[in-house]
């Protein structure tokens, strides 16, 4: 996976229905400085790990017993 770039997010916002994002908001997603949210890059990397996880041995949710 390539590192997230501000231009990528700008392109997504332009092509998809979205509210207007300021440069400061996009910069915070790419390289967080406030420490309030997880960087979008970190989130994408975690989702990539989940995507690569073999769920073949995971039981279906219906098999979970309620207590």
PDB file of N, CA and C in Angstrom:
ATOM      1  N   UNK A   1       0.842  -1.168   0.000  1.00  0.00           N
ATOM      2  CA  UNK A   1       0.000   0.000   0.000  1.00  0.00           C
ATOM      3  C   UNK A   1       0.893   1.239   0.000  1.00  0.00           C
ATOM      4  N   UNK A   2       0.556   2.184  -0.842  1.00  0.00           N
ATOM      5  CA  UNK A   2       1.310   3.437  -0.898  1.00  0.00           C
ATOM      6  C   UNK A   2       0.871   4.343   0.248  1.00  0.00           C
ATOM      7  N   UNK A   3       1.763   5.178   0.742  1.00  0.00           N
ATOM      8  CA  UNK A   3       1.371   6.143   1.779  1.00  0.00           C
ATOM      9  C   UNK A   3       0.311   7.111   1.249  1.00  0.00           C
ATOM     10  N   UNK A   4      -0.602   7.458   2.105  1.00  0.00           N
ATOM     11  CA  UNK A   4      -1.683   8.378   1.746  1.00  0.00           C
ATOM     12  C   UNK A   4      -1.125   9.765   1.453  1.00  0.00           C
ATOM     13  N   UNK A   5      -1.645  10.381   0.405  1.00  0.00           N
ATOM     14  CA  UNK A   5      -1.229  11.732   0.042  1.00  0.00           C
ATOM     15  C   UNK A   5      -2.450  12.639   0.026  1.00  0.00           C
ATOM     16  N   UNK A   6      -2.219  13.888   0.338  1.00  0.00           N
ATOM     17  CA  UNK A   6      -3.305  14.872   0.373  1.00  0.00           C
ATOM     18  C   UNK A   6      -4.021  14.946  -0.977  1.00  0.00           C
ATOM     19  N   UNK A   7      -3.268  14.860  -2.074  1.00  0.00           N
ATOM     20  CA  UNK A   7      -3.871  14.945  -3.406  1.00  0.00           C
ATOM     21  C   UNK A   7      -4.869  13.810  -3.635  1.00  0.00           C
ATOM     22  N   UNK A   8      -4.597  12.646  -3.048  1.00  0.00           N
ATOM     23  CA  UNK A   8      -5.520  11.511  -3.170  1.00  0.00           C
ATOM     24  C   UNK A   8      -6.853  11.845  -2.526  1.00  0.00           C
ATOM     25  N   UNK A   9      -6.797  12.376  -1.302  1.00  0.00           N
ATOM     26  CA  UNK A   9      -8.038  12.735  -0.604  1.00  0.00           C
ATOM     27  C   UNK A   9      -8.781  13.855  -1.334  1.00  0.00           C
ATOM     28  N   UNK A  10      -8.050  14.822  -1.853  1.00  0.00           N
ATOM     29  CA  UNK A  10      -8.690  15.900  -2.605  1.00  0.00           C
ATOM     30  C   UNK A  10      -9.419  15.348  -3.822  1.00  0.00           C
ATOM     31  N   UNK A  11      -8.792  14.409  -4.523  1.00  0.00           N
ATOM     32  CA  UNK A  11      -9.422  13.797  -5.687  1.00  0.00           C
ATOM     33  C   UNK A  11     -10.687  13.038  -5.331  1.00  0.00           C
ATOM     34  N   UNK A  12     -10.649  12.315  -4.211  1.00  0.00           N
ATOM     35  CA  UNK A  12     -11.831  11.582  -3.754  1.00  0.00           C
ATOM     36  C   UNK A  12     -12.961  12.554  -3.443  1.00  0.00           C
ATOM     37  N   UNK A  13     -12.639  13.636  -2.748  1.00  0.00           N
ATOM     38  CA  UNK A  13     -13.654  14.628  -2.395  1.00  0.00           C
ATOM     39  C   UNK A  13     -14.265  15.278  -3.631  1.00  0.00           C
ATOM     40  N   UNK A  14     -13.453  15.501  -4.649  1.00  0.00           N
ATOM     41  CA  UNK A  14     -13.949  16.123  -5.873  1.00  0.00           C
ATOM     42  C   UNK A  14     -14.838  15.175  -6.670  1.00  0.00           C
ATOM     43  N   UNK A  15     -14.541  13.876  -6.635  1.00  0.00           N
ATOM     44  CA  UNK A  15     -15.260  12.917  -7.465  1.00  0.00           C
ATOM     45  C   UNK A  15     -16.476  12.305  -6.791  1.00  0.00           C
ATOM     46  N   UNK A  16     -16.533  12.359  -5.481  1.00  0.00           N
ATOM     47  CA  UNK A  16     -17.642  11.741  -4.762  1.00  0.00           C
ATOM     48  C   UNK A  16     -18.422  12.803  -3.999  1.00  0.00           C
ATOM     49  N   UNK A  17     -19.665  12.478  -3.724  1.00  0.00           N
ATOM     50  CA  UNK A  17     -20.489  13.408  -2.943  1.00  0.00           C
ATOM     51  C   UNK A  17     -19.849  13.583  -1.570  1.00  0.00           C
ATOM     52  N   UNK A  18     -19.544  14.806  -1.237  1.00  0.00           N
ATOM     53  CA  UNK A  18     -18.857  15.072   0.018  1.00  0.00           C
ATOM     54  C   UNK A  18     -19.089  16.524   0.400  1.00  0.00           C
ATOM     55  N   UNK A  19     -19.030  16.800   1.686  1.00  0.00           N
ATOM     56  CA  UNK A  19     -19.041  18.208   2.087  1.00  0.00           C
ATOM     57  C   UNK A  19     -17.663  18.779   1.799  1.00  0.00           C
ATOM     58  N   UNK A  20     -17.559  20.081   1.798  1.00  0.00           N
ATOM     59  CA  UNK A  20     -16.268  20.715   1.529  1.00  0.00           C
ATOM     60  C   UNK A  20     -15.306  20.465   2.682  1.00  0.00           C
ATOM     61  N   UNK A  21     -14.101  20.053   2.347  1.00  0.00           N
ATOM     62  CA  UNK A  21     -13.038  19.830   3.325  1.00  0.00           C
ATOM     63  C   UNK A  21     -12.024  20.951   3.183  1.00  0.00           C
ATOM     64  N   UNK A  22     -11.635  21.538   4.280  1.00  0.00           N
ATOM     65  CA  UNK A  22     -10.602  22.573   4.240  1.00  0.00           C
ATOM     66  C   UNK A  22      -9.232  21.919   4.101  1.00  0.00           C
ATOM     67  N   UNK A  23      -8.258  22.707   3.685  1.00  0.00           N
ATOM     68  CA  UNK A  23      -6.886  22.192   3.605  1.00  0.00           C
ATOM     69  C   UNK A  23      -6.421  21.707   4.969  1.00  0.00           C
ATOM     70  N   UNK A  24      -6.781  22.424   6.018  1.00  0.00           N
ATOM     71  CA  UNK A  24      -6.365  22.040   7.370  1.00  0.00           C
ATOM     72  C   UNK A  24      -6.938  20.677   7.750  1.00  0.00           C
ATOM     73  N   UNK A  25      -8.204  20.414   7.386  1.00  0.00           N
ATOM     74  CA  UNK A  25      -8.825  19.126   7.705  1.00  0.00           C
ATOM     75  C   UNK A  25      -8.147  17.988   6.938  1.00  0.00           C
ATOM     76  N   UNK A  26      -7.870  18.210   5.661  1.00  0.00           N
ATOM     77  CA  UNK A  26      -7.195  17.179   4.869  1.00  0.00           C
ATOM     78  C   UNK A  26      -5.781  16.937   5.386  1.00  0.00           C
ATOM     79  N   UNK A  27      -5.087  18.003   5.735  1.00  0.00           N
ATOM     80  CA  UNK A  27      -3.739  17.854   6.292  1.00  0.00           C
ATOM     81  C   UNK A  27      -3.763  17.050   7.579  1.00  0.00           C
ATOM     82  N   UNK A  28      -4.774  17.272   8.408  1.00  0.00           N
ATOM     83  CA  UNK A  28      -4.880  16.550   9.681  1.00  0.00           C
ATOM     84  C   UNK A  28      -5.125  15.062   9.447  1.00  0.00           C
ATOM     85  N   UNK A  29      -5.882  14.710   8.400  1.00  0.00           N
ATOM     86  CA  UNK A  29      -6.105  13.300   8.081  1.00  0.00           C
ATOM     87  C   UNK A  29      -4.825  12.634   7.592  1.00  0.00           C
ATOM     88  N   UNK A  30      -4.047  13.351   6.797  1.00  0.00           N
ATOM     89  CA  UNK A  30      -2.822  12.785   6.228  1.00  0.00           C
ATOM     90  C   UNK A  30      -1.713  12.723   7.275  1.00  0.00           C
ATOM     91  N   UNK A  31      -1.570  13.792   8.058  1.00  0.00           N
ATOM     92  CA  UNK A  31      -0.479  13.874   9.034  1.00  0.00           C
ATOM     93  C   UNK A  31      -1.005  14.540  10.301  1.00  0.00           C
ATOM     94  N   UNK A  32      -1.656  13.765  11.191  1.00  0.00           N
ATOM     95  CA  UNK A  32      -2.296  14.352  12.363  1.00  0.00           C
ATOM     96  C   UNK A  32      -1.305  15.051  13.296  1.00  0.00           C
ATOM     97  N   UNK A  33      -1.693  16.226  13.720  1.00  0.00           N
ATOM     98  CA  UNK A  33      -0.877  17.003  14.653  1.00  0.00           C
ATOM     99  C   UNK A  33      -1.590  17.201  15.986  1.00  0.00           C
ATOM    100  N   UNK A  34      -2.929  17.131  15.971  1.00  0.00           N
ATOM    101  CA  UNK A  34      -3.699  17.399  17.179  1.00  0.00           C
ATOM    102  C   UNK A  34      -3.744  16.214  18.131  1.00  0.00           C
ATOM    103  N   UNK A  35      -3.532  15.008  17.622  1.00  0.00           N
ATOM    104  CA  UNK A  35      -3.558  13.832  18.474  1.00  0.00           C
ATOM    105  C   UNK A  35      -4.951  13.414  18.900  1.00  0.00           C
ATOM    106  N   UNK A  36      -5.967  14.020  18.313  1.00  0.00           N
ATOM    107  CA  UNK A  36      -7.345  13.706  18.693  1.00  0.00           C
ATOM    108  C   UNK A  36      -7.856  12.495  17.931  1.00  0.00           C
ATOM    109  N   UNK A  37      -7.482  12.381  16.664  1.00  0.00           N
ATOM    110  CA  UNK A  37      -7.950  11.274  15.845  1.00  0.00           C
ATOM    111  C   UNK A  37      -6.770  10.440  15.387  1.00  0.00           C
ATOM    112  N   UNK A  38      -7.055   9.226  15.015  1.00  0.00           N
ATOM    113  CA  UNK A  38      -6.046   8.378  14.405  1.00  0.00           C
ATOM    114  C   UNK A  38      -5.807   8.884  12.992  1.00  0.00           C
ATOM    115  N   UNK A  39      -4.576   8.900  12.583  1.00  0.00           N
ATOM    116  CA  UNK A  39      -4.287   9.290  11.215  1.00  0.00           C
ATOM    117  C   UNK A  39      -4.983   8.360  10.239  1.00  0.00           C
ATOM    118  N   UNK A  40      -5.444   8.889   9.151  1.00  0.00           N
ATOM    119  CA  UNK A  40      -6.168   8.099   8.167  1.00  0.00           C
ATOM    120  C   UNK A  40      -5.269   6.995   7.621  1.00  0.00           C
ATOM    121  N   UNK A  41      -3.975   7.277   7.493  1.00  0.00           N
ATOM    122  CA  UNK A  41      -3.032   6.267   7.019  1.00  0.00           C
ATOM    123  C   UNK A  41      -3.001   5.083   7.980  1.00  0.00           C
ATOM    124  N   UNK A  42      -2.993   5.357   9.295  1.00  0.00           N
ATOM    125  CA  UNK A  42      -3.007   4.276  10.291  1.00  0.00           C
ATOM    126  C   UNK A  42      -4.267   3.430  10.148  1.00  0.00           C
ATOM    127  N   UNK A  43      -5.395   4.078   9.945  1.00  0.00           N
ATOM    128  CA  UNK A  43      -6.655   3.370   9.770  1.00  0.00           C
ATOM    129  C   UNK A  43      -6.621   2.494   8.524  1.00  0.00           C
ATOM    130  N   UNK A  44      -6.109   3.028   7.429  1.00  0.00           N
ATOM    131  CA  UNK A  44      -6.020   2.251   6.192  1.00  0.00           C
ATOM    132  C   UNK A  44      -5.120   1.034   6.370  1.00  0.00           C
ATOM    133  N   UNK A  45      -4.023   1.192   7.108  1.00  0.00           N
ATOM    134  CA  UNK A  45      -3.123   0.067   7.339  1.00  0.00           C
ATOM    135  C   UNK A  45      -3.783  -1.011   8.199  1.00  0.00           C
ATOM    136  N   UNK A  46      -4.569  -0.589   9.197  1.00  0.00           N
ATOM    137  CA  UNK A  46      -5.287  -1.564  10.024  1.00  0.00           C
ATOM    138  C   UNK A  46      -6.344  -2.295   9.216  1.00  0.00           C
ATOM    139  N   UNK A  47      -7.039  -1.577   8.343  1.00  0.00           N
ATOM    140  CA  UNK A  47      -8.034  -2.221   7.477  1.00  0.00           C
ATOM    141  C   UNK A  47      -7.368  -3.202   6.515  1.00  0.00           C
ATOM    142  N   UNK A  48      -6.178  -2.858   6.034  1.00  0.00           N
ATOM    143  CA  UNK A  48      -5.447  -3.756   5.150  1.00  0.00           C
ATOM    144  C   UNK A  48      -5.084  -5.044   5.878  1.00  0.00           C
ATOM    145  N   UNK A  49      -4.667  -4.945   7.140  1.00  0.00           N
ATOM    146  CA  UNK A  49      -4.366  -6.145   7.930  1.00  0.00           C
ATOM    147  C   UNK A  49      -5.606  -7.017   8.105  1.00  0.00           C
ATOM    148  N   UNK A  50      -6.738  -6.383   8.365  1.00  0.00           N
ATOM    149  CA  UNK A  50      -7.984  -7.138   8.491  1.00  0.00           C
ATOM    150  C   UNK A  50      -8.360  -7.812   7.177  1.00  0.00           C
ATOM    151  N   UNK A  51      -8.149  -7.097   6.079  1.00  0.00           N
ATOM    152  CA  UNK A  51      -8.484  -7.647   4.761  1.00  0.00           C
ATOM    153  C   UNK A  51      -7.654  -8.889   4.466  1.00  0.00           C
ATOM    154  N   UNK A  52      -6.426  -8.915   4.932  1.00  0.00           N
ATOM    155  CA  UNK A  52      -5.536 -10.037   4.672  1.00  0.00           C
ATOM    156  C   UNK A  52      -5.729 -11.192   5.652  1.00  0.00           C
ATOM    157  N   UNK A  53      -6.541 -11.003   6.678  1.00  0.00           N
ATOM    158  CA  UNK A  53      -6.757 -12.029   7.684  1.00  0.00           C
ATOM    159  C   UNK A  53      -7.645 -13.134   7.128  1.00  0.00           C
ATOM    160  N   UNK A  54      -7.213 -14.376   7.286  1.00  0.00           N
ATOM    161  CA  UNK A  54      -8.003 -15.514   6.846  1.00  0.00           C
ATOM    162  C   UNK A  54      -9.121 -15.755   7.850  1.00  0.00           C
ATOM    163  N   UNK A  55     -10.336 -15.575   7.423  1.00  0.00           N
ATOM    164  CA  UNK A  55     -11.489 -15.758   8.296  1.00  0.00           C
ATOM    165  C   UNK A  55     -12.083 -17.163   8.186  1.00  0.00           C
ATOM    166  N   UNK A  56     -11.380 -18.037   7.485  1.00  0.00           N
ATOM    167  CA  UNK A  56     -11.876 -19.391   7.267  1.00  0.00           C
ATOM    168  C   UNK A  56     -12.115 -20.173   8.545  1.00  0.00           C
ATOM    169  N   UNK A  57     -11.379 -19.893   9.600  1.00  0.00           N
ATOM    170  CA  UNK A  57     -11.550 -20.627  10.853  1.00  0.00           C
ATOM    171  C   UNK A  57     -12.435 -19.877  11.844  1.00  0.00           C
ATOM    172  N   UNK A  58     -12.943 -18.735  11.441  1.00  0.00           N
ATOM    173  CA  UNK A  58     -13.817 -17.941  12.309  1.00  0.00           C
ATOM    174  C   UNK A  58     -15.235 -18.477  12.211  1.00  0.00           C
ATOM    175  N   UNK A  59     -15.858 -18.833  13.346  1.00  0.00           N
ATOM    176  CA  UNK A  59     -17.220 -19.354  13.272  1.00  0.00           C
ATOM    177  C   UNK A  59     -18.209 -18.270  12.865  1.00  0.00           C
ATOM    178  N   UNK A  60     -19.309 -18.660  12.258  1.00  0.00           N
ATOM    179  CA  UNK A  60     -20.327 -17.672  11.898  1.00  0.00           C
ATOM    180  C   UNK A  60     -20.918 -17.014  13.147  1.00  0.00           C
ATOM    181  N   UNK A  61     -21.384 -15.814  13.007  1.00  0.00           N
ATOM    182  CA  UNK A  61     -21.929 -15.072  14.152  1.00  0.00           C
ATOM    183  C   UNK A  61     -23.126 -15.778  14.761  1.00  0.00           C
ATOM    184  N   UNK A  62     -23.866 -16.520  13.964  1.00  0.00           N
ATOM    185  CA  UNK A  62     -25.040 -17.209  14.512  1.00  0.00           C
ATOM    186  C   UNK A  62     -24.641 -18.275  15.512  1.00  0.00           C
ATOM    187  N   UNK A  63     -23.387 -18.711  15.458  1.00  0.00           N
ATOM    188  CA  UNK A  63     -22.910 -19.738  16.385  1.00  0.00           C
ATOM    189  C   UNK A  63     -22.561 -19.194  17.763  1.00  0.00           C
ATOM    190  N   UNK A  64     -22.579 -17.873  17.907  1.00  0.00           N
ATOM    191  CA  UNK A  64     -22.246 -17.269  19.212  1.00  0.00           C
ATOM    192  C   UNK A  64     -23.447 -17.381  20.112  1.00  0.00           C
ATOM    193  N   UNK A  65     -23.228 -17.907  21.290  1.00  0.00           N
ATOM    194  CA  UNK A  65     -24.302 -18.105  22.260  1.00  0.00           C
ATOM    195  C   UNK A  65     -24.477 -16.862  23.138  1.00  0.00           C
ATOM    196  N   UNK A  66     -25.719 -16.459  23.345  1.00  0.00           N
ATOM    197  CA  UNK A  66     -25.998 -15.355  24.275  1.00  0.00           C
ATOM    198  C   UNK A  66     -25.965 -15.899  25.688  1.00  0.00           C
ATOM    199  N   UNK A  67     -25.584 -15.073  26.604  1.00  0.00           N
ATOM    200  CA  UNK A  67     -25.549 -15.475  28.016  1.00  0.00           C
ATOM    201  C   UNK A  67     -26.754 -14.989  28.743  1.00  0.00           C
TER     202      UNK A  67
END
